[in-house]
């Protein structure tokens, strides 16, 4: 079928999301995104694409060894947490260079005003920092990531919702300019999980330095939990579970029965913050113990991890090459055909 006659309803439901290798993954990453990604691979087996966004990371990381190490860390983390290569395509962004060609083509039909509105870029300027051209084009590269594999579903948090809207605008702009339906219009799948609080009570974020790493060693994990900020309520007095950081984190790694019992103990004054932290620590260790064991096993077989990434890249490139070939035909970059008049 000619790309000029493709219809959006012919695109299979396909999920795509990327994660930047910008440091150790933490509880906010897991409960805010990764857990959803793992679930979606079962809902859309064979049509789930997840990548390590090492091109994107170049906007902030200019350390070759650091970028390589952190990219490997993300790969180990995702596989340990349950990503299944037979259900999801998992790859390094840089192993699919077609996204860079597609980004340039898309940039040629994107109004500059769309990128001027990018909140990440504007935030840097407002803070007095000198943003790079790469940061300015970040949404364009994100659109290319999505459209290279013709993804229709993009799980994002609220902070990335604007970038997804920009990708939709870019796809629609290309389709309109060239009177084609090469690209679907991707839709956001917003994560409905509650915001995960950090040890200071703010949203857990690397930028706030308030995170609890998923794969932290026991000593580090204990230190983090014991430094969680709490109120000055006297021991024996009732505690309010609503908005309480310790209770919120405990709820994420506990059964419904454990959560209900903890709420009752909070409200009756039968537990203080010190004991609550001890029980939170125990549940964190229990919850993530199988994942840690799996990660240790993967660290002993890095060749297997590399094979998974290369196979994922091969599958992603197949899709990206097909997309770029269709795009080239539409815009007039197709190869000369003998007999053409």
Protein backbone atom coordinates (compact mmCIF):
# COMPACT_ATOMS: atom_id res chain seq x y z
CA UNK A 1 0.00 0.00 0.00
CA UNK A 2 1.33 3.42 -0.91
CA UNK A 3 2.23 5.57 2.10
CA UNK A 4 0.04 8.29 0.60
CA UNK A 5 -3.08 6.18 1.25
CA UNK A 6 -2.26 4.83 4.71
CA UNK A 7 -4.94 5.49 7.32
CA UNK A 8 -4.33 5.94 11.05
CA UNK A 9 -6.74 3.16 11.96
CA UNK A 10 -4.47 0.68 10.17
CA UNK A 11 -1.62 1.24 12.62
CA UNK A 12 -1.38 -1.47 15.28
CA UNK A 13 -1.50 -0.27 18.90
CA UNK A 14 2.17 0.18 19.74
CA UNK A 15 3.77 1.42 22.96
CA UNK A 16 7.02 3.35 23.14
CA UNK A 17 8.89 5.01 25.98
CA UNK A 18 12.48 5.92 26.76
CA UNK A 19 14.48 6.43 29.93
CA UNK A 20 17.51 8.67 30.23
CA UNK A 21 20.64 7.11 31.76
CA UNK A 22 21.06 10.02 34.14
CA UNK A 23 21.81 8.16 37.37
CA UNK A 24 20.57 5.37 39.63
CA UNK A 25 16.88 4.60 39.18
CA UNK A 26 14.84 5.30 42.32
CA UNK A 27 11.44 4.47 43.82
CA UNK A 28 9.87 7.41 42.01
CA UNK A 29 11.06 6.02 38.67
CA UNK A 30 9.76 2.56 39.51
CA UNK A 31 6.30 3.40 40.82
CA UNK A 32 5.94 6.41 38.54
CA UNK A 33 6.87 4.77 35.22
CA UNK A 34 8.80 1.49 35.15
CA UNK A 35 6.06 -0.56 36.82
CA UNK A 36 3.64 0.67 34.16
CA UNK A 37 6.11 -0.18 31.39
CA UNK A 38 6.47 -3.73 32.70
CA UNK A 39 2.68 -4.14 32.78
CA UNK A 40 2.20 -2.75 29.26
CA UNK A 41 4.54 -5.33 27.72
CA UNK A 42 2.00 -7.97 28.72
CA UNK A 43 -0.92 -5.91 27.42
CA UNK A 44 0.84 -5.27 24.09
CA UNK A 45 3.23 -8.22 23.60
CA UNK A 46 5.46 -7.72 20.59
CA UNK A 47 4.31 -4.11 20.25
CA UNK A 48 6.13 -2.57 23.22
CA UNK A 49 9.31 -0.60 22.54
CA UNK A 50 11.55 0.72 25.33
CA UNK A 51 14.89 2.39 24.80
CA UNK A 52 17.82 3.82 26.72
CA UNK A 53 17.80 7.48 25.69
CA UNK A 54 21.54 8.03 25.42
CA UNK A 55 21.20 10.58 22.58
CA UNK A 56 18.93 12.65 24.85
CA UNK A 57 21.39 12.27 27.72
CA UNK A 58 24.02 14.16 25.71
CA UNK A 59 22.18 17.39 26.54
CA UNK A 60 23.47 17.07 30.11
CA UNK A 61 26.17 14.37 30.23
CA UNK A 62 29.55 15.11 28.65
CA UNK A 63 31.49 12.28 30.27
CA UNK A 64 32.05 9.25 28.02
CA UNK A 65 32.77 6.78 30.81
CA UNK A 66 29.89 8.09 32.89
CA UNK A 67 27.39 7.84 30.04
CA UNK A 68 28.50 4.32 29.17
CA UNK A 69 28.33 3.16 32.79
CA UNK A 70 24.92 4.70 33.40
CA UNK A 71 23.52 3.26 30.16
CA UNK A 72 24.58 -0.21 31.29
CA UNK A 73 23.03 0.43 34.69
CA UNK A 74 19.65 1.26 33.12
CA UNK A 75 19.81 -1.88 30.98
CA UNK A 76 20.52 -4.06 34.03
CA UNK A 77 17.83 -2.32 36.07
CA UNK A 78 15.04 -2.73 33.49
CA UNK A 79 15.84 -6.37 32.82
CA UNK A 80 16.09 -7.13 36.53
CA UNK A 81 12.75 -5.41 37.20
CA UNK A 82 10.93 -7.64 34.74
CA UNK A 83 11.32 -6.44 31.17
CA UNK A 84 11.01 -9.53 28.96
CA UNK A 85 12.90 -9.41 25.62
CA UNK A 86 10.44 -11.87 24.06
CA UNK A 87 7.59 -9.43 24.71
CA UNK A 88 9.24 -6.01 24.55
CA UNK A 89 11.82 -4.55 22.20
CA UNK A 90 14.59 -3.08 24.36
CA UNK A 91 17.45 -1.14 22.80
CA UNK A 92 19.90 1.74 22.98
CA UNK A 93 18.68 4.83 21.18
CA UNK A 94 22.09 5.30 19.54
CA UNK A 95 21.80 1.87 17.90
CA UNK A 96 18.94 3.23 15.76
CA UNK A 97 20.58 6.19 13.99
CA UNK A 98 17.60 6.53 11.63
CA UNK A 99 15.95 8.63 14.33
CA UNK A 100 18.52 11.37 13.67
CA UNK A 101 17.75 11.49 9.95
CA UNK A 102 14.05 11.53 10.75
CA UNK A 103 14.56 14.31 13.29
CA UNK A 104 16.11 16.57 10.61
CA UNK A 105 13.29 15.86 8.17
CA UNK A 106 10.67 16.59 10.83
CA UNK A 107 12.52 19.76 11.88
CA UNK A 108 12.06 21.06 8.34
CA UNK A 109 8.26 21.08 8.75
CA UNK A 110 8.15 22.14 12.41
CA UNK A 111 7.38 25.75 13.23
CA UNK A 112 10.02 27.26 15.50
CA UNK A 113 7.26 28.59 17.73
CA UNK A 114 6.40 25.02 18.78
CA UNK A 115 9.91 24.49 20.14
CA UNK A 116 10.06 27.97 21.67
CA UNK A 117 7.23 26.91 24.00
CA UNK A 118 9.15 23.90 25.34
CA UNK A 119 9.08 24.14 29.14
CA UNK A 120 12.45 22.42 29.67
CA UNK A 121 14.15 24.92 27.38
CA UNK A 122 12.34 27.90 28.91
CA UNK A 123 13.18 26.74 32.44
CA UNK A 124 16.89 26.72 31.62
CA UNK A 125 16.71 30.26 30.26
CA UNK A 126 14.75 31.51 33.28
CA UNK A 127 17.40 30.03 35.58
CA UNK A 128 20.07 32.00 33.75
CA UNK A 129 21.70 28.95 32.19
CA UNK A 130 22.94 28.79 28.62
CA UNK A 131 20.93 26.03 26.94
CA UNK A 132 22.37 24.06 24.04
CA UNK A 133 20.82 23.65 20.61
CA UNK A 134 20.42 20.00 21.56
CA UNK A 135 18.18 20.94 24.48
CA UNK A 136 16.16 23.21 22.18
CA UNK A 137 15.68 20.30 19.76
CA UNK A 138 14.94 17.77 22.52
CA UNK A 139 11.20 17.63 21.67
CA UNK A 140 12.06 17.14 17.99
CA UNK A 141 14.23 14.14 18.81
CA UNK A 142 11.52 12.78 21.10
CA UNK A 143 9.03 13.07 18.22
CA UNK A 144 11.47 11.21 15.95
CA UNK A 145 11.84 8.43 18.56
CA UNK A 146 8.08 7.99 18.66
CA UNK A 147 7.40 8.29 14.95
CA UNK A 148 10.38 6.20 13.78
CA UNK A 149 8.59 3.07 14.98
CA UNK A 150 5.14 4.58 14.34
CA UNK A 151 4.14 4.32 17.97
CA UNK A 152 0.53 5.10 18.85
CA UNK A 153 0.70 4.96 22.67
CA UNK A 154 3.27 6.85 24.73
CA UNK A 155 3.22 6.40 28.53
CA UNK A 156 4.35 9.70 30.05
CA UNK A 157 4.21 11.57 33.32
CA UNK A 158 2.63 14.99 33.60
CA UNK A 159 6.04 16.63 33.18
CA UNK A 160 6.40 15.08 29.69
CA UNK A 161 2.82 15.65 28.54
CA UNK A 162 3.73 18.86 26.72
CA UNK A 163 6.49 17.11 24.76
CA UNK A 164 3.99 14.46 23.65
CA UNK A 165 1.62 17.18 22.50
CA UNK A 166 4.46 18.67 20.49
CA UNK A 167 5.12 15.25 18.90
CA UNK A 168 1.46 15.08 17.91
CA UNK A 169 1.67 18.54 16.34
CA UNK A 170 4.84 17.57 14.46
CA UNK A 171 3.27 14.36 13.11
CA UNK A 172 0.15 16.18 12.02
CA UNK A 173 2.21 18.96 10.43
CA UNK A 174 4.20 16.47 8.34
CA UNK A 175 1.06 14.61 7.26
CA UNK A 176 -0.61 17.91 6.31
CA UNK A 177 2.35 19.39 4.42
CA UNK A 178 2.87 16.27 2.32
CA UNK A 179 -0.80 15.21 2.15
CA UNK A 180 -0.06 11.78 3.57
CA UNK A 181 -0.92 9.49 6.46
CA UNK A 182 2.56 8.08 6.98
CA UNK A 183 2.45 8.85 10.69
CA UNK A 184 -0.17 8.01 13.28
CA UNK A 185 -1.09 10.65 15.84
CA UNK A 186 0.39 9.27 19.08
CA UNK A 187 -1.65 9.55 22.24
CA UNK A 188 -0.42 9.94 25.79
CA UNK A 189 -1.05 7.27 28.37
CA UNK A 190 -0.77 9.24 31.56
CA UNK A 191 0.45 7.36 34.59
CA UNK A 192 -2.23 7.48 37.25
CA UNK A 193 0.11 6.53 40.08
CA UNK A 194 0.39 8.98 42.95
CA UNK A 195 3.46 11.15 43.15
CA UNK A 196 6.14 9.31 45.11
CA UNK A 197 7.56 11.49 47.90
CA UNK A 198 11.26 11.76 48.57
CA UNK A 199 12.89 11.62 51.99
CA UNK A 200 12.28 15.37 52.41
CA UNK A 201 8.57 15.13 51.57
CA UNK A 202 8.89 16.74 48.13
CA UNK A 203 8.40 14.78 44.91
CA UNK A 204 11.18 12.20 44.67
CA UNK A 205 13.65 13.52 42.11
CA UNK A 206 17.39 13.38 41.46
CA UNK A 207 17.39 17.16 41.15
CA UNK A 208 16.19 17.43 44.78
CA UNK A 209 18.73 14.85 46.00
CA UNK A 210 15.96 13.16 47.99
CA UNK A 211 15.80 9.77 46.32
CA UNK A 212 15.85 6.18 47.53
CA UNK A 213 17.59 4.03 44.93
CA UNK A 214 15.87 0.81 43.91
CA UNK A 215 19.08 -1.21 44.11
CA UNK A 216 20.70 0.56 47.05
CA UNK A 217 22.84 -1.62 49.31
CA UNK A 218 21.36 -2.35 52.76
CA UNK A 219 23.47 0.24 54.60
CA UNK A 220 22.58 3.02 52.15
CA UNK A 221 18.92 1.99 52.15
CA UNK A 222 18.74 2.06 55.95
CA UNK A 223 20.42 5.47 56.10
CA UNK A 224 17.95 6.90 53.59
CA UNK A 225 14.88 5.50 55.34
CA UNK A 226 15.99 6.67 58.76
CA UNK A 227 16.52 10.20 57.41
CA UNK A 228 12.95 10.52 56.10
CA UNK A 229 11.51 13.80 57.31
CA UNK A 230 8.59 13.41 59.75
CA UNK A 231 6.50 15.62 62.01
CA UNK A 232 7.40 16.26 65.64
CA UNK A 233 4.38 14.37 67.01
CA UNK A 234 5.10 12.90 70.43
CA UNK A 235 5.47 9.15 70.83
CA UNK A 236 2.10 7.59 71.72
CA UNK A 237 0.08 10.35 70.07
CA UNK A 238 -2.02 9.53 66.97
CA UNK A 239 -0.29 10.06 63.63
CA UNK A 240 -2.01 11.27 60.48
CA UNK A 241 -1.31 8.85 57.58
CA UNK A 242 -2.62 11.32 55.02
CA UNK A 243 0.31 12.93 53.24
CA UNK A 244 2.81 11.23 55.54
CA UNK A 245 5.95 10.20 53.66
CA UNK A 246 6.68 7.08 55.69
CA UNK A 247 3.10 5.80 55.35
CA UNK A 248 2.95 6.64 51.63
CA UNK A 249 6.14 4.73 50.88
CA UNK A 250 5.05 1.85 53.12
CA UNK A 251 1.78 1.63 51.18
CA UNK A 252 3.64 1.18 47.90
CA UNK A 253 5.55 -1.90 49.08
CA UNK A 254 2.89 -3.55 51.25
CA UNK A 255 -0.20 -5.69 50.87
CA UNK A 256 -3.62 -4.11 51.36
CA UNK A 257 -3.94 -5.86 54.73
CA UNK A 258 -0.56 -4.52 55.88
CA UNK A 259 -1.52 -1.04 54.72
CA UNK A 260 -4.86 -1.12 56.55
CA UNK A 261 -3.23 -2.37 59.73
CA UNK A 262 -0.56 0.32 59.57
CA UNK A 263 -3.22 3.00 59.09
CA UNK A 264 -5.05 1.79 62.20
CA UNK A 265 -1.82 1.83 64.24
CA UNK A 266 -1.08 5.36 63.02
CA UNK A 267 -4.50 6.64 63.98
CA UNK A 268 -4.56 4.88 67.37
CA UNK A 269 -1.09 6.03 68.38
CA UNK A 270 0.15 2.45 68.66
CA UNK A 271 3.22 3.16 66.55
CA UNK A 272 5.81 5.92 66.36
CA UNK A 273 7.82 7.08 63.41
CA UNK A 274 10.93 5.14 64.42
CA UNK A 275 9.08 1.81 64.40
CA UNK A 276 7.20 2.76 61.23
CA UNK A 277 10.53 3.41 59.49
CA UNK A 278 11.87 0.04 60.68
CA UNK A 279 8.85 -1.71 59.18
CA UNK A 280 9.10 0.32 55.97
CA UNK A 281 12.75 -0.72 55.66
CA UNK A 282 11.84 -4.40 56.12
CA UNK A 283 9.13 -4.22 53.44
CA UNK A 284 11.42 -2.41 51.01
CA UNK A 285 13.99 -5.17 51.38
CA UNK A 286 11.35 -7.89 50.91
CA UNK A 287 9.72 -6.18 47.92
CA UNK A 288 12.93 -5.58 45.94
CA UNK A 289 14.91 -8.65 47.04
CA UNK A 290 13.96 -10.80 43.97
CA UNK A 291 14.88 -7.94 41.64
CA UNK A 292 18.25 -7.48 43.33
CA UNK A 293 19.02 -11.18 42.97
CA UNK A 294 18.11 -11.04 39.30
CA UNK A 295 20.34 -7.99 38.78
CA UNK A 296 23.31 -9.70 40.41
CA UNK A 297 22.84 -12.65 38.04
CA UNK A 298 22.70 -10.33 35.02
CA UNK A 299 25.92 -8.61 36.13
CA UNK A 300 27.63 -12.00 35.86
CA UNK A 301 26.51 -12.38 32.23
CA UNK A 302 26.90 -9.02 30.49
CA UNK A 303 27.21 -10.77 27.13
CA UNK A 304 23.58 -11.83 27.51
CA UNK A 305 22.55 -8.24 28.22
CA UNK A 306 24.46 -7.00 25.18
CA UNK A 307 22.78 -9.65 23.01
CA UNK A 308 19.36 -8.49 24.24
CA UNK A 309 20.14 -4.87 23.42
CA UNK A 310 21.52 -5.72 19.98
CA UNK A 311 18.55 -7.89 19.12
CA UNK A 312 16.20 -5.14 20.28
CA UNK A 313 18.08 -2.62 18.16
CA UNK A 314 17.79 -4.91 15.13
CA UNK A 315 14.02 -5.07 15.54
CA UNK A 316 13.70 -1.33 16.15
CA UNK A 317 15.90 -0.55 13.13
CA UNK A 318 13.69 -2.68 10.91
CA UNK A 319 10.74 -0.49 11.83
CA UNK A 320 12.76 2.73 11.60
CA UNK A 321 14.22 1.85 8.18
CA UNK A 322 10.74 1.12 6.84
CA UNK A 323 9.50 4.43 8.21
CA UNK A 324 12.38 6.44 6.74
CA UNK A 325 11.95 4.75 3.35
CA UNK A 326 8.28 5.73 3.29
CA UNK A 327 9.13 9.26 4.39
CA UNK A 328 11.83 9.57 1.71
CA UNK A 329 9.32 8.53 -0.96
CA UNK A 330 6.78 11.04 0.26
CA UNK A 331 9.17 14.02 0.37
CA UNK A 332 11.10 13.30 -2.82
CA UNK A 333 14.32 11.80 -1.50
CA UNK A 334 13.59 8.38 -2.97
CA UNK A 335 16.24 6.85 -5.22
CA UNK A 336 16.08 7.42 -8.97
CA UNK A 337 13.92 4.84 -10.67
CA UNK A 338 14.83 3.84 -14.24
CA UNK A 339 12.08 4.77 -16.63
CA UNK A 340 10.92 7.65 -14.41
CA UNK A 341 9.34 10.54 -16.34
